[in-house]
Amino acid sequence: MIVLAFIWGSSFILMKKGLIVFNDIEVAQLRMGIAWLSLLPFVWKKLFNVEKKHIIPILVVGLFGNGFPAFLFTKAQTELDSSLIGILNALVPLFTFVFAMLLFKTKVKVGQLIGILLGLSGAIWLIAGGGLVLENAHYSWYIIVATMCYAISLNTIKNYLKEMSAIDISGLAFFVVGPFCLLALGFSDFSFKMMNSEGANLALFYIVILSTVGTSIALVLFNQLVKGTTAIFASSVTYLIPIVAIFWGFVDGEIITLNHFIGIAIILGGIHLVNKA
């Protein structure tokens, strides 16, 4: 779990490094395309054996679990610090529970409802008091929408793709976005930047690490974590990801304030109440 938290917590700083040379759309396209290629050997034979009942759920996971968040995160990263993005990313389990309650009629306890409200108030605290200036505060909503997308994807997997392994779900879902991202990349300035921009090779290296280790390998590790322990223990990785993100932000010279720690404490307190209940 510690290794997984380190990998996912480092994803935000890797995006930031990739954005030094490439724009947000190119980084997202590269991430989706490379991740698709890295998982392709494991699932390409299964592409033609997908059951009809799984097609629409896989499309949903491909768009909401991979496609939309990739572009939303890189867009937010152009204006926000990676540490703040890592903290806001901790809203995923809260929105996952909210959608489960609203769409799948999951019963909610009072303690869980308090936890949800507490977690959301932590996000509001960060947006309102986290040092964001007026002109870039709205970029935090890209992250909030992305966490909602992840929540839709997770609920879809839980309710409609139980029979499939995590690597099959991820690999097939990347077919929804990966090939199109690589195709679109061919019509961008990617080739020109690779040949003419200083630091392009290093920026691409960061994106390759983000795509393979931060996406493909991390999914395999998470699958093993769930199998070897429990879903509750595996979900606890959410507590550690923001801490890693703050660490890398500090190393990279980002300004870490007391508001960051107050915000993360409120959000993680909300997650704790939801899990405890």
C-alpha atoms as a PDB file:
ATOM      1  CA  MET A   1       0.000   0.000   0.000  1.00  0.00           C
ATOM      2  CA  ILE A   2       2.905   2.346   0.765  1.00  0.00           C
ATOM      3  CA  VAL A   3       4.426   1.701  -2.677  1.00  0.00           C
ATOM      4  CA  LEU A   4       1.070   2.350  -4.335  1.00  0.00           C
ATOM      5  CA  ALA A   5       0.561   5.581  -2.383  1.00  0.00           C
ATOM      6  CA  PHE A   6       4.036   6.742  -3.409  1.00  0.00           C
ATOM      7  CA  ILE A   7       3.326   6.002  -7.091  1.00  0.00           C
ATOM      8  CA  TRP A   8      -0.089   7.683  -7.214  1.00  0.00           C
ATOM      9  CA  GLY A   9       1.009  10.546  -4.986  1.00  0.00           C
ATOM     10  CA  SER A  10       3.887  11.229  -7.377  1.00  0.00           C
ATOM     11  CA  SER A  11       1.644  11.397 -10.447  1.00  0.00           C
ATOM     12  CA  PHE A  12       0.810  15.072  -9.958  1.00  0.00           C
ATOM     13  CA  ILE A  13       4.428  16.242  -9.943  1.00  0.00           C
ATOM     14  CA  LEU A  14       5.114  14.102 -13.043  1.00  0.00           C
ATOM     15  CA  MET A  15       2.276  15.872 -14.853  1.00  0.00           C
ATOM     16  CA  LYS A  16       3.763  19.197 -13.808  1.00  0.00           C
ATOM     17  CA  LYS A  17       7.162  18.236 -15.248  1.00  0.00           C
ATOM     18  CA  GLY A  18       5.597  17.104 -18.526  1.00  0.00           C
ATOM     19  CA  LEU A  19       3.787  20.428 -18.849  1.00  0.00           C
ATOM     20  CA  ILE A  20       7.101  22.286 -18.970  1.00  0.00           C
ATOM     21  CA  VAL A  21       7.355  21.410 -22.680  1.00  0.00           C
ATOM     22  CA  PHE A  22       3.974  20.058 -23.762  1.00  0.00           C
ATOM     23  CA  ASN A  23       0.553  21.638 -23.311  1.00  0.00           C
ATOM     24  CA  ASP A  24      -2.166  20.093 -21.161  1.00  0.00           C
ATOM     25  CA  ILE A  25      -3.949  18.393 -24.063  1.00  0.00           C
ATOM     26  CA  GLU A  26      -0.736  16.810 -25.356  1.00  0.00           C
ATOM     27  CA  VAL A  27       0.191  15.516 -21.884  1.00  0.00           C
ATOM     28  CA  ALA A  28      -3.249  13.938 -21.478  1.00  0.00           C
ATOM     29  CA  GLN A  29      -3.117  12.401 -24.960  1.00  0.00           C
ATOM     30  CA  LEU A  30       0.344  10.992 -24.328  1.00  0.00           C
ATOM     31  CA  ARG A  31      -0.685   9.588 -20.947  1.00  0.00           C
ATOM     32  CA  MET A  32      -3.740   7.817 -22.351  1.00  0.00           C
ATOM     33  CA  GLY A  33      -1.974   6.583 -25.481  1.00  0.00           C
ATOM     34  CA  ILE A  34       1.120   5.225 -23.718  1.00  0.00           C
ATOM     35  CA  ALA A  35      -0.946   3.598 -20.961  1.00  0.00           C
ATOM     36  CA  TRP A  36      -3.053   1.893 -23.637  1.00  0.00           C
ATOM     37  CA  LEU A  37       0.052   0.569 -25.409  1.00  0.00           C
ATOM     38  CA  SER A  38       1.551  -0.704 -22.144  1.00  0.00           C
ATOM     39  CA  LEU A  39      -1.582  -2.723 -21.316  1.00  0.00           C
ATOM     40  CA  LEU A  40      -2.273  -3.836 -24.886  1.00  0.00           C
ATOM     41  CA  PRO A  41      -0.222  -7.092 -24.705  1.00  0.00           C
ATOM     42  CA  PHE A  42      -2.290  -8.274 -21.731  1.00  0.00           C
ATOM     43  CA  VAL A  43      -5.780  -7.725 -23.136  1.00  0.00           C
ATOM     44  CA  TRP A  44      -5.730  -7.569 -26.940  1.00  0.00           C
ATOM     45  CA  LYS A  45      -6.892 -11.184 -27.290  1.00  0.00           C
ATOM     46  CA  LYS A  46      -9.866 -10.456 -25.033  1.00  0.00           C
ATOM     47  CA  LEU A  47     -11.033  -7.501 -27.086  1.00  0.00           C
ATOM     48  CA  PHE A  48     -13.172  -9.711 -29.321  1.00  0.00           C
ATOM     49  CA  ASN A  49     -14.541 -11.815 -26.468  1.00  0.00           C
ATOM     50  CA  VAL A  50     -16.194  -9.080 -24.417  1.00  0.00           C
ATOM     51  CA  GLU A  51     -19.722  -9.977 -23.316  1.00  0.00           C
ATOM     52  CA  LYS A  52     -22.439  -7.638 -24.586  1.00  0.00           C
ATOM     53  CA  LYS A  53     -23.532  -6.736 -21.062  1.00  0.00           C
ATOM     54  CA  HIS A  54     -20.023  -5.432 -20.358  1.00  0.00           C
ATOM     55  CA  ILE A  55     -19.652  -3.182 -23.414  1.00  0.00           C
ATOM     56  CA  ILE A  56     -21.475  -0.108 -22.102  1.00  0.00           C
ATOM     57  CA  PRO A  57     -19.904  -0.322 -18.606  1.00  0.00           C
ATOM     58  CA  ILE A  58     -16.445  -0.547 -20.201  1.00  0.00           C
ATOM     59  CA  LEU A  59     -17.245   2.522 -22.303  1.00  0.00           C
ATOM     60  CA  VAL A  60     -18.300   4.366 -19.135  1.00  0.00           C
ATOM     61  CA  VAL A  61     -15.098   3.343 -17.337  1.00  0.00           C
ATOM     62  CA  GLY A  62     -13.000   4.315 -20.359  1.00  0.00           C
ATOM     63  CA  LEU A  63     -14.485   7.810 -20.508  1.00  0.00           C
ATOM     64  CA  PHE A  64     -15.104   8.612 -16.839  1.00  0.00           C
ATOM     65  CA  GLY A  65     -12.301   6.562 -15.284  1.00  0.00           C
ATOM     66  CA  ASN A  66      -9.596   7.413 -17.811  1.00  0.00           C
ATOM     67  CA  GLY A  67     -10.432   9.907 -20.568  1.00  0.00           C
ATOM     68  CA  PHE A  68     -12.166  12.865 -18.948  1.00  0.00           C
ATOM     69  CA  PRO A  69     -10.035  12.916 -15.740  1.00  0.00           C
ATOM     70  CA  ALA A  70      -6.770  12.832 -17.694  1.00  0.00           C
ATOM     71  CA  PHE A  71      -7.642  16.063 -19.501  1.00  0.00           C
ATOM     72  CA  LEU A  72      -9.202  17.682 -16.419  1.00  0.00           C
ATOM     73  CA  PHE A  73      -6.168  16.994 -14.237  1.00  0.00           C
ATOM     74  CA  THR A  74      -3.632  18.311 -16.740  1.00  0.00           C
ATOM     75  CA  LYS A  75      -5.768  21.422 -17.344  1.00  0.00           C
ATOM     76  CA  ALA A  76      -5.851  22.128 -13.602  1.00  0.00           C
ATOM     77  CA  GLN A  77      -2.120  21.439 -13.329  1.00  0.00           C
ATOM     78  CA  THR A  78      -1.392  24.401 -15.618  1.00  0.00           C
ATOM     79  CA  GLU A  79      -2.490  26.800 -12.860  1.00  0.00           C
ATOM     80  CA  LEU A  80      -2.538  24.909  -9.554  1.00  0.00           C
ATOM     81  CA  ASP A  81       0.235  23.403  -7.440  1.00  0.00           C
ATOM     82  CA  SER A  82       0.554  19.629  -7.507  1.00  0.00           C
ATOM     83  CA  SER A  83       0.266  19.510  -3.703  1.00  0.00           C
ATOM     84  CA  LEU A  84      -3.160  21.169  -3.756  1.00  0.00           C
ATOM     85  CA  ILE A  85      -4.323  18.879  -6.576  1.00  0.00           C
ATOM     86  CA  GLY A  86      -3.180  15.856  -4.582  1.00  0.00           C
ATOM     87  CA  ILE A  87      -5.243  16.968  -1.592  1.00  0.00           C
ATOM     88  CA  LEU A  88      -8.399  17.626  -3.632  1.00  0.00           C
ATOM     89  CA  ASN A  89      -7.974  14.212  -5.263  1.00  0.00           C
ATOM     90  CA  ALA A  90      -8.779  12.713  -1.847  1.00  0.00           C
ATOM     91  CA  LEU A  91     -12.445  13.562  -2.510  1.00  0.00           C
ATOM     92  CA  VAL A  92     -12.777  10.452  -4.730  1.00  0.00           C
ATOM     93  CA  PRO A  93     -14.021   8.039  -2.010  1.00  0.00           C
ATOM     94  CA  LEU A  94     -16.510  10.607  -0.738  1.00  0.00           C
ATOM     95  CA  PHE A  95     -18.057  11.155  -4.170  1.00  0.00           C
ATOM     96  CA  THR A  96     -17.972   7.398  -4.749  1.00  0.00           C
ATOM     97  CA  PHE A  97     -20.148   6.927  -1.691  1.00  0.00           C
ATOM     98  CA  VAL A  98     -22.444   9.823  -2.647  1.00  0.00           C
ATOM     99  CA  PHE A  99     -23.143   8.356  -6.093  1.00  0.00           C
ATOM    100  CA  ALA A 100     -23.609   4.891  -4.601  1.00  0.00           C
ATOM    101  CA  MET A 101     -26.194   6.378  -2.250  1.00  0.00           C
ATOM    102  CA  LEU A 102     -28.020   8.410  -4.923  1.00  0.00           C
ATOM    103  CA  LEU A 103     -27.853   6.048  -7.913  1.00  0.00           C
ATOM    104  CA  PHE A 104     -27.640   2.591  -6.365  1.00  0.00           C
ATOM    105  CA  LYS A 105     -29.682   3.198  -3.199  1.00  0.00           C
ATOM    106  CA  THR A 106     -26.875   2.335  -0.813  1.00  0.00           C
ATOM    107  CA  LYS A 107     -28.083   2.871   2.741  1.00  0.00           C
ATOM    108  CA  VAL A 108     -26.358   5.738   4.510  1.00  0.00           C
ATOM    109  CA  LYS A 109     -25.698   6.136   8.232  1.00  0.00           C
ATOM    110  CA  VAL A 110     -25.654   9.450  10.042  1.00  0.00           C
ATOM    111  CA  GLY A 111     -21.914   9.166  10.637  1.00  0.00           C
ATOM    112  CA  GLN A 112     -21.287   8.647   6.921  1.00  0.00           C
ATOM    113  CA  LEU A 113     -23.400  11.665   6.001  1.00  0.00           C
ATOM    114  CA  ILE A 114     -21.450  13.781   8.488  1.00  0.00           C
ATOM    115  CA  GLY A 115     -18.218  12.450   6.968  1.00  0.00           C
ATOM    116  CA  ILE A 116     -19.320  13.409   3.447  1.00  0.00           C
ATOM    117  CA  LEU A 117     -20.245  16.940   4.520  1.00  0.00           C
ATOM    118  CA  LEU A 118     -16.997  17.257   6.458  1.00  0.00           C
ATOM    119  CA  GLY A 119     -14.915  16.155   3.476  1.00  0.00           C
ATOM    120  CA  LEU A 120     -16.653  18.571   1.124  1.00  0.00           C
ATOM    121  CA  SER A 121     -16.172  21.395   3.629  1.00  0.00           C
ATOM    122  CA  GLY A 122     -12.456  20.597   3.578  1.00  0.00           C
ATOM    123  CA  ALA A 123     -12.414  21.085  -0.187  1.00  0.00           C
ATOM    124  CA  ILE A 124     -14.280  24.388   0.172  1.00  0.00           C
ATOM    125  CA  TRP A 125     -11.759  25.467   2.802  1.00  0.00           C
ATOM    126  CA  LEU A 126      -8.896  24.807   0.389  1.00  0.00           C
ATOM    127  CA  ILE A 127     -10.571  26.683  -2.456  1.00  0.00           C
ATOM    128  CA  ALA A 128     -11.634  29.633  -0.294  1.00  0.00           C
ATOM    129  CA  GLY A 129      -8.685  29.847   2.076  1.00  0.00           C
ATOM    130  CA  GLY A 130      -5.900  27.879   0.468  1.00  0.00           C
ATOM    131  CA  GLY A 131      -4.100  30.832  -0.987  1.00  0.00           C
ATOM    132  CA  LEU A 132      -5.788  30.675  -4.382  1.00  0.00           C
ATOM    133  CA  VAL A 133      -6.128  33.994  -6.133  1.00  0.00           C
ATOM    134  CA  LEU A 134      -9.361  34.914  -7.867  1.00  0.00           C
ATOM    135  CA  GLU A 135      -8.150  34.324 -11.410  1.00  0.00           C
ATOM    136  CA  ASN A 136      -7.144  30.685 -10.864  1.00  0.00           C
ATOM    137  CA  ALA A 137      -9.484  29.529  -8.075  1.00  0.00           C
ATOM    138  CA  HIS A 138     -11.922  28.104 -10.623  1.00  0.00           C
ATOM    139  CA  TYR A 139      -9.264  25.622 -11.785  1.00  0.00           C
ATOM    140  CA  SER A 140      -9.879  23.640  -8.608  1.00  0.00           C
ATOM    141  CA  TRP A 141     -13.279  22.724 -10.043  1.00  0.00           C
ATOM    142  CA  TYR A 142     -11.533  20.759 -12.791  1.00  0.00           C
ATOM    143  CA  ILE A 143     -10.211  18.481 -10.042  1.00  0.00           C
ATOM    144  CA  ILE A 144     -13.577  18.227  -8.291  1.00  0.00           C
ATOM    145  CA  VAL A 145     -15.292  17.249 -11.557  1.00  0.00           C
ATOM    146  CA  ALA A 146     -12.499  14.729 -12.223  1.00  0.00           C
ATOM    147  CA  THR A 147     -13.044  13.113  -8.809  1.00  0.00           C
ATOM    148  CA  MET A 148     -16.758  12.866  -9.634  1.00  0.00           C
ATOM    149  CA  CYS A 149     -15.815  11.110 -12.888  1.00  0.00           C
ATOM    150  CA  TYR A 150     -13.670   8.639 -10.951  1.00  0.00           C
ATOM    151  CA  ALA A 151     -16.594   8.045  -8.588  1.00  0.00           C
ATOM    152  CA  ILE A 152     -18.912   7.216 -11.503  1.00  0.00           C
ATOM    153  CA  SER A 153     -16.300   4.820 -12.880  1.00  0.00           C
ATOM    154  CA  LEU A 154     -15.735   3.068  -9.540  1.00  0.00           C
ATOM    155  CA  ASN A 155     -19.453   2.552  -8.986  1.00  0.00           C
ATOM    156  CA  THR A 156     -19.803   1.193 -12.509  1.00  0.00           C
ATOM    157  CA  ILE A 157     -17.016  -1.311 -11.882  1.00  0.00           C
ATOM    158  CA  LYS A 158     -18.485  -2.326  -8.530  1.00  0.00           C
ATOM    159  CA  ASN A 159     -21.999  -2.891  -9.872  1.00  0.00           C
ATOM    160  CA  TYR A 160     -21.514  -4.094 -13.459  1.00  0.00           C
ATOM    161  CA  LEU A 161     -17.973  -5.466 -13.897  1.00  0.00           C
ATOM    162  CA  LYS A 162     -17.502  -7.643 -10.824  1.00  0.00           C
ATOM    163  CA  GLU A 163     -16.643 -10.722 -12.867  1.00  0.00           C
ATOM    164  CA  MET A 164     -13.708  -9.098 -14.668  1.00  0.00           C
ATOM    165  CA  SER A 165     -10.199  -8.612 -13.263  1.00  0.00           C
ATOM    166  CA  ALA A 166      -8.882  -5.098 -12.694  1.00  0.00           C
ATOM    167  CA  ILE A 167      -6.261  -5.426 -15.428  1.00  0.00           C
ATOM    168  CA  ASP A 168      -8.869  -6.594 -17.958  1.00  0.00           C
ATOM    169  CA  ILE A 169     -11.179  -3.722 -17.060  1.00  0.00           C
ATOM    170  CA  SER A 170      -8.387  -1.161 -17.305  1.00  0.00           C
ATOM    171  CA  GLY A 171      -6.838  -2.565 -20.473  1.00  0.00           C
ATOM    172  CA  LEU A 172     -10.154  -2.783 -22.331  1.00  0.00           C
ATOM    173  CA  ALA A 173     -11.278   0.621 -21.052  1.00  0.00           C
ATOM    174  CA  PHE A 174      -8.139   2.214 -22.480  1.00  0.00           C
ATOM    175  CA  PHE A 175      -9.241   1.018 -25.924  1.00  0.00           C
ATOM    176  CA  VAL A 176     -12.019   3.612 -25.632  1.00  0.00           C
ATOM    177  CA  VAL A 177      -9.592   6.561 -25.468  1.00  0.00           C
ATOM    178  CA  GLY A 178      -6.004   5.410 -26.086  1.00  0.00           C
ATOM    179  CA  PRO A 179      -6.014   4.899 -29.887  1.00  0.00           C
ATOM    180  CA  PHE A 180      -7.888   8.152 -30.517  1.00  0.00           C
ATOM    181  CA  CYS A 181      -5.485  10.096 -28.293  1.00  0.00           C
ATOM    182  CA  LEU A 182      -2.461   8.819 -30.220  1.00  0.00           C
ATOM    183  CA  LEU A 183      -4.200   9.592 -33.516  1.00  0.00           C
ATOM    184  CA  ALA A 184      -5.002  13.140 -32.400  1.00  0.00           C
ATOM    185  CA  LEU A 185      -1.432  13.565 -31.205  1.00  0.00           C
ATOM    186  CA  GLY A 186      -0.279  13.104 -34.792  1.00  0.00           C
ATOM    187  CA  PHE A 187      -2.101  16.312 -35.756  1.00  0.00           C
ATOM    188  CA  SER A 188      -0.581  18.355 -32.909  1.00  0.00           C
ATOM    189  CA  ASP A 189       2.778  20.091 -32.463  1.00  0.00           C
ATOM    190  CA  PHE A 190       4.173  17.098 -30.584  1.00  0.00           C
ATOM    191  CA  SER A 191       6.723  16.099 -33.270  1.00  0.00           C
ATOM    192  CA  PHE A 192       7.873  19.693 -33.719  1.00  0.00           C
ATOM    193  CA  LYS A 193       8.358  20.134 -29.977  1.00  0.00           C
ATOM    194  CA  MET A 194      10.299  16.872 -29.714  1.00  0.00           C
ATOM    195  CA  MET A 195      12.748  18.058 -32.370  1.00  0.00           C
ATOM    196  CA  ASN A 196      13.025  21.723 -31.414  1.00  0.00           C
ATOM    197  CA  SER A 197      12.162  22.238 -27.727  1.00  0.00           C
ATOM    198  CA  GLU A 198      14.845  22.128 -25.072  1.00  0.00           C
ATOM    199  CA  GLY A 199      14.098  19.488 -22.453  1.00  0.00           C
ATOM    200  CA  ALA A 200      11.546  17.662 -24.620  1.00  0.00           C
ATOM    201  CA  ASN A 201      13.157  14.243 -24.099  1.00  0.00           C
ATOM    202  CA  LEU A 202      13.158  14.686 -20.330  1.00  0.00           C
ATOM    203  CA  ALA A 203       9.533  15.884 -20.332  1.00  0.00           C
ATOM    204  CA  LEU A 204       8.525  12.856 -22.418  1.00  0.00           C
ATOM    205  CA  PHE A 205      10.414  10.603 -19.988  1.00  0.00           C
ATOM    206  CA  TYR A 206       8.343  11.969 -17.088  1.00  0.00           C
ATOM    207  CA  ILE A 207       5.131  11.333 -19.047  1.00  0.00           C
ATOM    208  CA  VAL A 208       6.189   7.770 -19.906  1.00  0.00           C
ATOM    209  CA  ILE A 209       6.797   7.093 -16.195  1.00  0.00           C
ATOM    210  CA  LEU A 210       3.413   8.669 -15.417  1.00  0.00           C
ATOM    211  CA  SER A 211       1.692   6.457 -18.003  1.00  0.00           C
ATOM    212  CA  THR A 212       3.372   3.118 -17.326  1.00  0.00           C
ATOM    213  CA  VAL A 213       4.220   3.159 -13.619  1.00  0.00           C
ATOM    214  CA  GLY A 214       1.603   5.677 -12.469  1.00  0.00           C
ATOM    215  CA  THR A 215      -1.227   4.102 -14.444  1.00  0.00           C
ATOM    216  CA  SER A 216      -0.589   0.554 -15.695  1.00  0.00           C
ATOM    217  CA  ILE A 217       1.639  -0.917 -12.973  1.00  0.00           C
ATOM    218  CA  ALA A 218      -0.302   0.918 -10.245  1.00  0.00           C
ATOM    219  CA  LEU A 219      -3.513  -0.789 -11.366  1.00  0.00           C
ATOM    220  CA  VAL A 220      -1.878  -4.216 -11.104  1.00  0.00           C
ATOM    221  CA  LEU A 221      -0.569  -3.381  -7.615  1.00  0.00           C
ATOM    222  CA  PHE A 222      -3.995  -2.174  -6.512  1.00  0.00           C
ATOM    223  CA  ASN A 223      -5.596  -5.375  -7.816  1.00  0.00           C
ATOM    224  CA  GLN A 224      -3.106  -7.451  -5.812  1.00  0.00           C
ATOM    225  CA  LEU A 225      -3.700  -5.275  -2.740  1.00  0.00           C
ATOM    226  CA  VAL A 226      -7.447  -5.882  -2.873  1.00  0.00           C
ATOM    227  CA  LYS A 227      -6.965  -9.641  -3.365  1.00  0.00           C
ATOM    228  CA  GLY A 228      -4.386  -9.984  -0.598  1.00  0.00           C
ATOM    229  CA  THR A 229      -6.160  -7.876   2.021  1.00  0.00           C
ATOM    230  CA  THR A 230      -9.626  -6.308   2.115  1.00  0.00           C
ATOM    231  CA  ALA A 231     -11.352  -3.557   0.172  1.00  0.00           C
ATOM    232  CA  ILE A 232     -11.420  -1.379   3.311  1.00  0.00           C
ATOM    233  CA  PHE A 233      -7.672  -1.725   3.822  1.00  0.00           C
ATOM    234  CA  ALA A 234      -7.004  -1.064   0.123  1.00  0.00           C
ATOM    235  CA  SER A 235      -9.122   2.094   0.185  1.00  0.00           C
ATOM    236  CA  SER A 236      -6.916   3.429   2.978  1.00  0.00           C
ATOM    237  CA  VAL A 237      -4.354   4.338   0.311  1.00  0.00           C
ATOM    238  CA  THR A 238      -6.433   7.519  -0.046  1.00  0.00           C
ATOM    239  CA  TYR A 239      -5.043   8.706   3.288  1.00  0.00           C
ATOM    240  CA  LEU A 240      -1.450   8.566   2.056  1.00  0.00           C
ATOM    241  CA  ILE A 241      -1.645   9.967  -1.503  1.00  0.00           C
ATOM    242  CA  PRO A 242      -2.097  13.649  -0.463  1.00  0.00           C
ATOM    243  CA  ILE A 243       0.840  13.380   1.948  1.00  0.00           C
ATOM    244  CA  VAL A 244       3.111  12.191  -0.872  1.00  0.00           C
ATOM    245  CA  ALA A 245       1.783  14.939  -3.160  1.00  0.00           C
ATOM    246  CA  ILE A 246       2.531  17.596  -0.530  1.00  0.00           C
ATOM    247  CA  PHE A 247       6.049  16.184  -0.080  1.00  0.00           C
ATOM    248  CA  TRP A 248       6.847  16.426  -3.803  1.00  0.00           C
ATOM    249  CA  GLY A 249       5.311  19.885  -3.963  1.00  0.00           C
ATOM    250  CA  PHE A 250       7.585  21.008  -1.128  1.00  0.00           C
ATOM    251  CA  VAL A 251      10.648  19.472  -2.826  1.00  0.00           C
ATOM    252  CA  ASP A 252       9.737  21.266  -6.060  1.00  0.00           C
ATOM    253  CA  GLY A 253       9.559  24.618  -4.306  1.00  0.00           C
ATOM    254  CA  GLU A 254       5.787  24.959  -4.004  1.00  0.00           C
ATOM    255  CA  ILE A 255       4.548  27.054  -1.085  1.00  0.00           C
ATOM    256  CA  ILE A 256       2.929  24.852   1.561  1.00  0.00           C
ATOM    257  CA  THR A 257       0.786  26.764   4.044  1.00  0.00           C
ATOM    258  CA  LEU A 258      -1.119  25.953   7.209  1.00  0.00           C
ATOM    259  CA  ASN A 259      -4.328  26.045   5.141  1.00  0.00           C
ATOM    260  CA  HIS A 260      -3.083  23.017   3.176  1.00  0.00           C
ATOM    261  CA  PHE A 261      -2.706  20.968   6.342  1.00  0.00           C
ATOM    262  CA  ILE A 262      -6.041  22.142   7.741  1.00  0.00           C
ATOM    263  CA  GLY A 263      -7.750  21.225   4.463  1.00  0.00           C
ATOM    264  CA  ILE A 264      -6.181  17.773   4.289  1.00  0.00           C
ATOM    265  CA  ALA A 265      -7.043  17.095   7.943  1.00  0.00           C
ATOM    266  CA  ILE A 266     -10.712  17.985   7.324  1.00  0.00           C
ATOM    267  CA  ILE A 267     -10.950  15.879   4.136  1.00  0.00           C
ATOM    268  CA  LEU A 268      -9.217  12.836   5.644  1.00  0.00           C
ATOM    269  CA  GLY A 269     -11.360  13.192   8.775  1.00  0.00           C
ATOM    270  CA  GLY A 270     -14.436  12.974   6.541  1.00  0.00           C
ATOM    271  CA  ILE A 271     -13.094   9.877   4.777  1.00  0.00           C
ATOM    272  CA  HIS A 272     -12.387   8.273   8.148  1.00  0.00           C
ATOM    273  CA  LEU A 273     -15.983   8.851   9.311  1.00  0.00           C
ATOM    274  CA  VAL A 274     -17.401   7.343   6.095  1.00  0.00           C
ATOM    275  CA  ASN A 275     -15.198   4.226   6.377  1.00  0.00           C
ATOM    276  CA  LYS A 276     -15.725   3.862  10.118  1.00  0.00           C
ATOM    277  CA  ALA A 277     -19.518   3.994   9.795  1.00  0.00           C
END
